[in-house]
Amino acid sequence: MSTYHEVRRLAENLTPDEQMRLIEDLFSSIRQRLTVTPKPKRSILELRGLGKEIWNGIDAQEYVNQERDSWNG
């Protein structure tokens, strides 16, 4: 039997007040760990080159000109 199932079985034997206290304590502990351990920052540079194959064979200036022309109707 896994530790999770053992703990759950034990928690089910607690009174409702004790169960609520356990939930509050666990929630507080988890929240503290989440705020203490910040997520690693991501860099916009990680996106560099993403989707570059879509632009193969397309002249950048010609594309921009076509887009600008489409704005005028």
PDB file of N, CA and C in Angstrom:
ATOM      1  N   MET A   1       0.857  -1.188   0.000  1.00  0.00           N
ATOM      2  CA  MET A   1       0.000   0.000   0.000  1.00  0.00           C
ATOM      3  C   MET A   1       0.895   1.241   0.000  1.00  0.00           C
ATOM      4  N   SER A   2       0.529   2.233  -0.788  1.00  0.00           N
ATOM      5  CA  SER A   2       1.353   3.432  -0.883  1.00  0.00           C
ATOM      6  C   SER A   2       1.207   4.301   0.365  1.00  0.00           C
ATOM      7  N   THR A   3       2.180   5.155   0.567  1.00  0.00           N
ATOM      8  CA  THR A   3       2.152   6.070   1.702  1.00  0.00           C
ATOM      9  C   THR A   3       0.927   6.964   1.639  1.00  0.00           C
ATOM     10  N   TYR A   4       0.586   7.423   0.427  1.00  0.00           N
ATOM     11  CA  TYR A   4      -0.586   8.293   0.254  1.00  0.00           C
ATOM     12  C   TYR A   4      -1.841   7.615   0.795  1.00  0.00           C
ATOM     13  N   HIS A   5      -2.045   6.369   0.405  1.00  0.00           N
ATOM     14  CA  HIS A   5      -3.249   5.654   0.843  1.00  0.00           C
ATOM     15  C   HIS A   5      -3.247   5.413   2.357  1.00  0.00           C
ATOM     16  N   GLU A   6      -2.074   5.171   2.900  1.00  0.00           N
ATOM     17  CA  GLU A   6      -1.976   4.988   4.353  1.00  0.00           C
ATOM     18  C   GLU A   6      -2.358   6.276   5.077  1.00  0.00           C
ATOM     19  N   VAL A   7      -1.818   7.386   4.617  1.00  0.00           N
ATOM     20  CA  VAL A   7      -2.103   8.679   5.247  1.00  0.00           C
ATOM     21  C   VAL A   7      -3.581   9.011   5.086  1.00  0.00           C
ATOM     22  N   ARG A   8      -4.121   8.751   3.909  1.00  0.00           N
ATOM     23  CA  ARG A   8      -5.545   9.045   3.683  1.00  0.00           C
ATOM     24  C   ARG A   8      -6.419   8.217   4.621  1.00  0.00           C
ATOM     25  N   ARG A   9      -6.077   6.959   4.782  1.00  0.00           N
ATOM     26  CA  ARG A   9      -6.855   6.086   5.677  1.00  0.00           C
ATOM     27  C   ARG A   9      -6.795   6.614   7.104  1.00  0.00           C
ATOM     28  N   LEU A  10      -5.609   7.058   7.525  1.00  0.00           N
ATOM     29  CA  LEU A  10      -5.465   7.616   8.869  1.00  0.00           C
ATOM     30  C   LEU A  10      -6.262   8.912   9.000  1.00  0.00           C
ATOM     31  N   ALA A  11      -6.224   9.748   7.972  1.00  0.00           N
ATOM     32  CA  ALA A  11      -6.943  11.025   8.015  1.00  0.00           C
ATOM     33  C   ALA A  11      -8.448  10.803   8.098  1.00  0.00           C
ATOM     34  N   GLU A  12      -8.935   9.758   7.468  1.00  0.00           N
ATOM     35  CA  GLU A  12     -10.376   9.472   7.509  1.00  0.00           C
ATOM     36  C   GLU A  12     -10.832   9.078   8.911  1.00  0.00           C
ATOM     37  N   ASN A  13      -9.910   8.627   9.740  1.00  0.00           N
ATOM     38  CA  ASN A  13     -10.251   8.252  11.112  1.00  0.00           C
ATOM     39  C   ASN A  13     -10.255   9.441  12.069  1.00  0.00           C
ATOM     40  N   LEU A  14      -9.816  10.610  11.580  1.00  0.00           N
ATOM     41  CA  LEU A  14      -9.821  11.813  12.419  1.00  0.00           C
ATOM     42  C   LEU A  14     -11.233  12.370  12.515  1.00  0.00           C
ATOM     43  N   THR A  15     -11.455  13.167  13.524  1.00  0.00           N
ATOM     44  CA  THR A  15     -12.746  13.851  13.643  1.00  0.00           C
ATOM     45  C   THR A  15     -12.809  14.928  12.554  1.00  0.00           C
ATOM     46  N   PRO A  16     -13.994  15.401  12.212  1.00  0.00           N
ATOM     47  CA  PRO A  16     -14.085  16.469  11.210  1.00  0.00           C
ATOM     48  C   PRO A  16     -13.253  17.700  11.581  1.00  0.00           C
ATOM     49  N   ASP A  17     -13.221  18.069  12.848  1.00  0.00           N
ATOM     50  CA  ASP A  17     -12.407  19.208  13.270  1.00  0.00           C
ATOM     51  C   ASP A  17     -10.916  18.944  13.044  1.00  0.00           C
ATOM     52  N   GLU A  18     -10.485  17.732  13.354  1.00  0.00           N
ATOM     53  CA  GLU A  18      -9.079  17.381  13.147  1.00  0.00           C
ATOM     54  C   GLU A  18      -8.750  17.333  11.650  1.00  0.00           C
ATOM     55  N   GLN A  19      -9.681  16.855  10.846  1.00  0.00           N
ATOM     56  CA  GLN A  19      -9.477  16.828   9.397  1.00  0.00           C
ATOM     57  C   GLN A  19      -9.317  18.250   8.848  1.00  0.00           C
ATOM     58  N   MET A  20     -10.163  19.167   9.315  1.00  0.00           N
ATOM     59  CA  MET A  20     -10.067  20.554   8.872  1.00  0.00           C
ATOM     60  C   MET A  20      -8.737  21.170   9.301  1.00  0.00           C
ATOM     61  N   ARG A  21      -8.309  20.865  10.515  1.00  0.00           N
ATOM     62  CA  ARG A  21      -7.029  21.389  11.000  1.00  0.00           C
ATOM     63  C   ARG A  21      -5.888  20.836  10.146  1.00  0.00           C
ATOM     64  N   LEU A  22      -5.955  19.555   9.815  1.00  0.00           N
ATOM     65  CA  LEU A  22      -4.931  18.935   8.979  1.00  0.00           C
ATOM     66  C   LEU A  22      -4.892  19.593   7.597  1.00  0.00           C
ATOM     67  N   ILE A  23      -6.061  19.821   7.019  1.00  0.00           N
ATOM     68  CA  ILE A  23      -6.131  20.476   5.708  1.00  0.00           C
ATOM     69  C   ILE A  23      -5.523  21.873   5.777  1.00  0.00           C
ATOM     70  N   GLU A  24      -5.872  22.625   6.802  1.00  0.00           N
ATOM     71  CA  GLU A  24      -5.338  23.979   6.954  1.00  0.00           C
ATOM     72  C   GLU A  24      -3.821  23.957   7.118  1.00  0.00           C
ATOM     73  N   ASP A  25      -3.310  23.017   7.903  1.00  0.00           N
ATOM     74  CA  ASP A  25      -1.867  22.913   8.099  1.00  0.00           C
ATOM     75  C   ASP A  25      -1.152  22.533   6.798  1.00  0.00           C
ATOM     76  N   LEU A  26      -1.728  21.583   6.075  1.00  0.00           N
ATOM     77  CA  LEU A  26      -1.124  21.173   4.804  1.00  0.00           C
ATOM     78  C   LEU A  26      -1.149  22.318   3.798  1.00  0.00           C
ATOM     79  N   PHE A  27      -2.278  23.017   3.730  1.00  0.00           N
ATOM     80  CA  PHE A  27      -2.411  24.139   2.812  1.00  0.00           C
ATOM     81  C   PHE A  27      -1.384  25.220   3.130  1.00  0.00           C
ATOM     82  N   SER A  28      -1.227  25.525   4.400  1.00  0.00           N
ATOM     83  CA  SER A  28      -0.266  26.537   4.823  1.00  0.00           C
ATOM     84  C   SER A  28       1.153  26.119   4.471  1.00  0.00           C
ATOM     85  N   SER A  29       1.467  24.866   4.696  1.00  0.00           N
ATOM     86  CA  SER A  29       2.802  24.352   4.396  1.00  0.00           C
ATOM     87  C   SER A  29       3.090  24.408   2.896  1.00  0.00           C
ATOM     88  N   ILE A  30       2.113  24.022   2.096  1.00  0.00           N
ATOM     89  CA  ILE A  30       2.291  24.039   0.641  1.00  0.00           C
ATOM     90  C   ILE A  30       2.440  25.466   0.139  1.00  0.00           C
ATOM     91  N   ARG A  31       1.597  26.363   0.634  1.00  0.00           N
ATOM     92  CA  ARG A  31       1.668  27.767   0.212  1.00  0.00           C
ATOM     93  C   ARG A  31       3.042  28.349   0.545  1.00  0.00           C
ATOM     94  N   GLN A  32       3.567  28.038   1.724  1.00  0.00           N
ATOM     95  CA  GLN A  32       4.870  28.556   2.133  1.00  0.00           C
ATOM     96  C   GLN A  32       5.968  28.039   1.207  1.00  0.00           C
ATOM     97  N   ARG A  33       5.912  26.770   0.842  1.00  0.00           N
ATOM     98  CA  ARG A  33       6.925  26.216  -0.051  1.00  0.00           C
ATOM     99  C   ARG A  33       6.841  26.828  -1.441  1.00  0.00           C
ATOM    100  N   LEU A  34       5.626  27.118  -1.901  1.00  0.00           N
ATOM    101  CA  LEU A  34       5.465  27.704  -3.226  1.00  0.00           C
ATOM    102  C   LEU A  34       5.977  29.134  -3.269  1.00  0.00           C
ATOM    103  N   THR A  35       5.794  29.888  -2.203  1.00  0.00           N
ATOM    104  CA  THR A  35       6.252  31.267  -2.204  1.00  0.00           C
ATOM    105  C   THR A  35       7.755  31.354  -1.950  1.00  0.00           C
ATOM    106  N   VAL A  36       8.315  30.375  -1.282  1.00  0.00           N
ATOM    107  CA  VAL A  36       9.742  30.375  -1.003  1.00  0.00           C
ATOM    108  C   VAL A  36      10.530  29.933  -2.234  1.00  0.00           C
ATOM    109  N   THR A  37       9.962  29.034  -3.026  1.00  0.00           N
ATOM    110  CA  THR A  37      10.638  28.504  -4.192  1.00  0.00           C
ATOM    111  C   THR A  37      10.066  29.152  -5.443  1.00  0.00           C
ATOM    112  N   PRO A  38      10.672  30.243  -5.904  1.00  0.00           N
ATOM    113  CA  PRO A  38      10.139  30.910  -7.090  1.00  0.00           C
ATOM    114  C   PRO A  38      10.384  30.069  -8.346  1.00  0.00           C
ATOM    115  N   LYS A  39       9.494  30.225  -9.299  1.00  0.00           N
ATOM    116  CA  LYS A  39       9.665  29.531 -10.570  1.00  0.00           C
ATOM    117  C   LYS A  39      10.847  30.152 -11.304  1.00  0.00           C
ATOM    118  N   PRO A  40      11.592  29.341 -12.038  1.00  0.00           N
ATOM    119  CA  PRO A  40      12.707  29.921 -12.793  1.00  0.00           C
ATOM    120  C   PRO A  40      12.175  30.885 -13.853  1.00  0.00           C
ATOM    121  N   LYS A  41      12.894  31.990 -14.031  1.00  0.00           N
ATOM    122  CA  LYS A  41      12.473  32.971 -15.020  1.00  0.00           C
ATOM    123  C   LYS A  41      12.770  32.441 -16.414  1.00  0.00           C
ATOM    124  N   ARG A  42      11.904  32.804 -17.337  1.00  0.00           N
ATOM    125  CA  ARG A  42      12.090  32.406 -18.729  1.00  0.00           C
ATOM    126  C   ARG A  42      12.591  33.605 -19.518  1.00  0.00           C
ATOM    127  N   SER A  43      13.275  33.353 -20.584  1.00  0.00           N
ATOM    128  CA  SER A  43      13.791  34.414 -21.431  1.00  0.00           C
ATOM    129  C   SER A  43      13.073  34.403 -22.771  1.00  0.00           C
ATOM    130  N   ILE A  44      12.772  35.580 -23.265  1.00  0.00           N
ATOM    131  CA  ILE A  44      12.166  35.708 -24.588  1.00  0.00           C
ATOM    132  C   ILE A  44      13.096  35.135 -25.651  1.00  0.00           C
ATOM    133  N   LEU A  45      14.384  35.112 -25.358  1.00  0.00           N
ATOM    134  CA  LEU A  45      15.353  34.598 -26.322  1.00  0.00           C
ATOM    135  C   LEU A  45      15.194  33.100 -26.576  1.00  0.00           C
ATOM    136  N   GLU A  46      14.478  32.406 -25.698  1.00  0.00           N
ATOM    137  CA  GLU A  46      14.238  30.978 -25.905  1.00  0.00           C
ATOM    138  C   GLU A  46      13.373  30.743 -27.141  1.00  0.00           C
ATOM    139  N   LEU A  47      12.655  31.777 -27.574  1.00  0.00           N
ATOM    140  CA  LEU A  47      11.795  31.657 -28.741  1.00  0.00           C
ATOM    141  C   LEU A  47      12.531  31.920 -30.054  1.00  0.00           C
ATOM    142  N   ARG A  48      13.785  32.323 -29.957  1.00  0.00           N
ATOM    143  CA  ARG A  48      14.554  32.652 -31.150  1.00  0.00           C
ATOM    144  C   ARG A  48      14.600  31.470 -32.111  1.00  0.00           C
ATOM    145  N   GLY A  49      14.239  31.733 -33.358  1.00  0.00           N
ATOM    146  CA  GLY A  49      14.276  30.713 -34.402  1.00  0.00           C
ATOM    147  C   GLY A  49      13.038  29.835 -34.464  1.00  0.00           C
ATOM    148  N   LEU A  50      12.126  30.005 -33.527  1.00  0.00           N
ATOM    149  CA  LEU A  50      10.924  29.185 -33.509  1.00  0.00           C
ATOM    150  C   LEU A  50      10.055  29.488 -34.734  1.00  0.00           C
ATOM    151  N   GLY A  51       9.755  28.500 -35.518  1.00  0.00           N
ATOM    152  CA  GLY A  51       8.910  28.668 -36.706  1.00  0.00           C
ATOM    153  C   GLY A  51       9.618  29.267 -37.898  1.00  0.00           C
ATOM    154  N   LYS A  52      10.946  29.290 -37.877  1.00  0.00           N
ATOM    155  CA  LYS A  52      11.668  29.934 -38.965  1.00  0.00           C
ATOM    156  C   LYS A  52      11.451  29.236 -40.309  1.00  0.00           C
ATOM    157  N   GLU A  53      11.121  27.953 -40.277  1.00  0.00           N
ATOM    158  CA  GLU A  53      10.910  27.225 -41.535  1.00  0.00           C
ATOM    159  C   GLU A  53       9.707  27.760 -42.306  1.00  0.00           C
ATOM    160  N   ILE A  54       8.776  28.419 -41.626  1.00  0.00           N
ATOM    161  CA  ILE A  54       7.593  28.984 -42.279  1.00  0.00           C
ATOM    162  C   ILE A  54       7.993  30.080 -43.258  1.00  0.00           C
ATOM    163  N   TRP A  55       9.083  30.763 -42.965  1.00  0.00           N
ATOM    164  CA  TRP A  55       9.497  31.931 -43.748  1.00  0.00           C
ATOM    165  C   TRP A  55      10.504  31.598 -44.841  1.00  0.00           C
ATOM    166  N   ASN A  56      10.856  30.323 -45.006  1.00  0.00           N
ATOM    167  CA  ASN A  56      11.807  29.944 -46.053  1.00  0.00           C
ATOM    168  C   ASN A  56      11.269  30.361 -47.419  1.00  0.00           C
ATOM    169  N   GLY A  57      12.108  31.045 -48.197  1.00  0.00           N
ATOM    170  CA  GLY A  57      11.748  31.435 -49.556  1.00  0.00           C
ATOM    171  C   GLY A  57      10.862  32.658 -49.648  1.00  0.00           C
ATOM    172  N   ILE A  58      10.609  33.344 -48.545  1.00  0.00           N
ATOM    173  CA  ILE A  58       9.752  34.531 -48.554  1.00  0.00           C
ATOM    174  C   ILE A  58      10.622  35.763 -48.321  1.00  0.00           C
ATOM    175  N   ASP A  59      10.506  36.727 -49.223  1.00  0.00           N
ATOM    176  CA  ASP A  59      11.246  37.972 -49.092  1.00  0.00           C
ATOM    177  C   ASP A  59      10.554  38.832 -48.036  1.00  0.00           C
ATOM    178  N   ALA A  60      11.293  39.246 -47.034  1.00  0.00           N
ATOM    179  CA  ALA A  60      10.709  39.984 -45.910  1.00  0.00           C
ATOM    180  C   ALA A  60      10.081  41.302 -46.349  1.00  0.00           C
ATOM    181  N   GLN A  61      10.772  42.051 -47.188  1.00  0.00           N
ATOM    182  CA  GLN A  61      10.243  43.346 -47.610  1.00  0.00           C
ATOM    183  C   GLN A  61       8.992  43.177 -48.463  1.00  0.00           C
ATOM    184  N   GLU A  62       8.999  42.184 -49.318  1.00  0.00           N
ATOM    185  CA  GLU A  62       7.823  41.925 -50.152  1.00  0.00           C
ATOM    186  C   GLU A  62       6.619  41.544 -49.284  1.00  0.00           C
ATOM    187  N   TYR A  63       6.868  40.746 -48.265  1.00  0.00           N
ATOM    188  CA  TYR A  63       5.795  40.349 -47.351  1.00  0.00           C
ATOM    189  C   TYR A  63       5.216  41.569 -46.634  1.00  0.00           C
ATOM    190  N   VAL A  64       6.094  42.431 -46.140  1.00  0.00           N
ATOM    191  CA  VAL A  64       5.643  43.636 -45.435  1.00  0.00           C
ATOM    192  C   VAL A  64       4.837  44.520 -46.375  1.00  0.00           C
ATOM    193  N   ASN A  65       5.316  44.686 -47.594  1.00  0.00           N
ATOM    194  CA  ASN A  65       4.587  45.508 -48.569  1.00  0.00           C
ATOM    195  C   ASN A  65       3.193  44.951 -48.839  1.00  0.00           C
ATOM    196  N   GLN A  66       3.079  43.640 -48.976  1.00  0.00           N
ATOM    197  CA  GLN A  66       1.773  43.007 -49.218  1.00  0.00           C
ATOM    198  C   GLN A  66       0.844  43.219 -48.024  1.00  0.00           C
ATOM    199  N   GLU A  67       1.372  43.103 -46.829  1.00  0.00           N
ATOM    200  CA  GLU A  67       0.558  43.319 -45.638  1.00  0.00           C
ATOM    201  C   GLU A  67       0.061  44.747 -45.577  1.00  0.00           C
ATOM    202  N   ARG A  68       0.942  45.701 -45.846  1.00  0.00           N
ATOM    203  CA  ARG A  68       0.548  47.102 -45.804  1.00  0.00           C
ATOM    204  C   ARG A  68      -0.508  47.414 -46.869  1.00  0.00           C
ATOM    205  N   ASP A  69      -0.354  46.809 -48.048  1.00  0.00           N
ATOM    206  CA  ASP A  69      -1.341  47.006 -49.103  1.00  0.00           C
ATOM    207  C   ASP A  69      -2.707  46.464 -48.705  1.00  0.00           C
ATOM    208  N   SER A  70      -2.708  45.360 -47.935  1.00  0.00           N
ATOM    209  CA  SER A  70      -3.990  44.751 -47.521  1.00  0.00           C
ATOM    210  C   SER A  70      -4.719  45.641 -46.517  1.00  0.00           C
ATOM    211  N   TRP A  71      -4.009  46.497 -45.820  1.00  0.00           N
ATOM    212  CA  TRP A  71      -4.649  47.385 -44.848  1.00  0.00           C
ATOM    213  C   TRP A  71      -5.488  48.445 -45.557  1.00  0.00           C
ATOM    214  N   ASN A  72      -5.122  48.769 -46.774  1.00  0.00           N
ATOM    215  CA  ASN A  72      -5.794  49.834 -47.502  1.00  0.00           C
ATOM    216  C   ASN A  72      -7.045  49.342 -48.227  1.00  0.00           C
ATOM    217  N   GLY A  73      -7.351  48.098 -48.112  1.00  0.00           N
ATOM    218  CA  GLY A  73      -8.587  47.622 -48.690  1.00  0.00           C
ATOM    219  C   GLY A  73      -8.357  46.704 -49.816  1.00  0.00           C
TER     220      GLY A  73
END
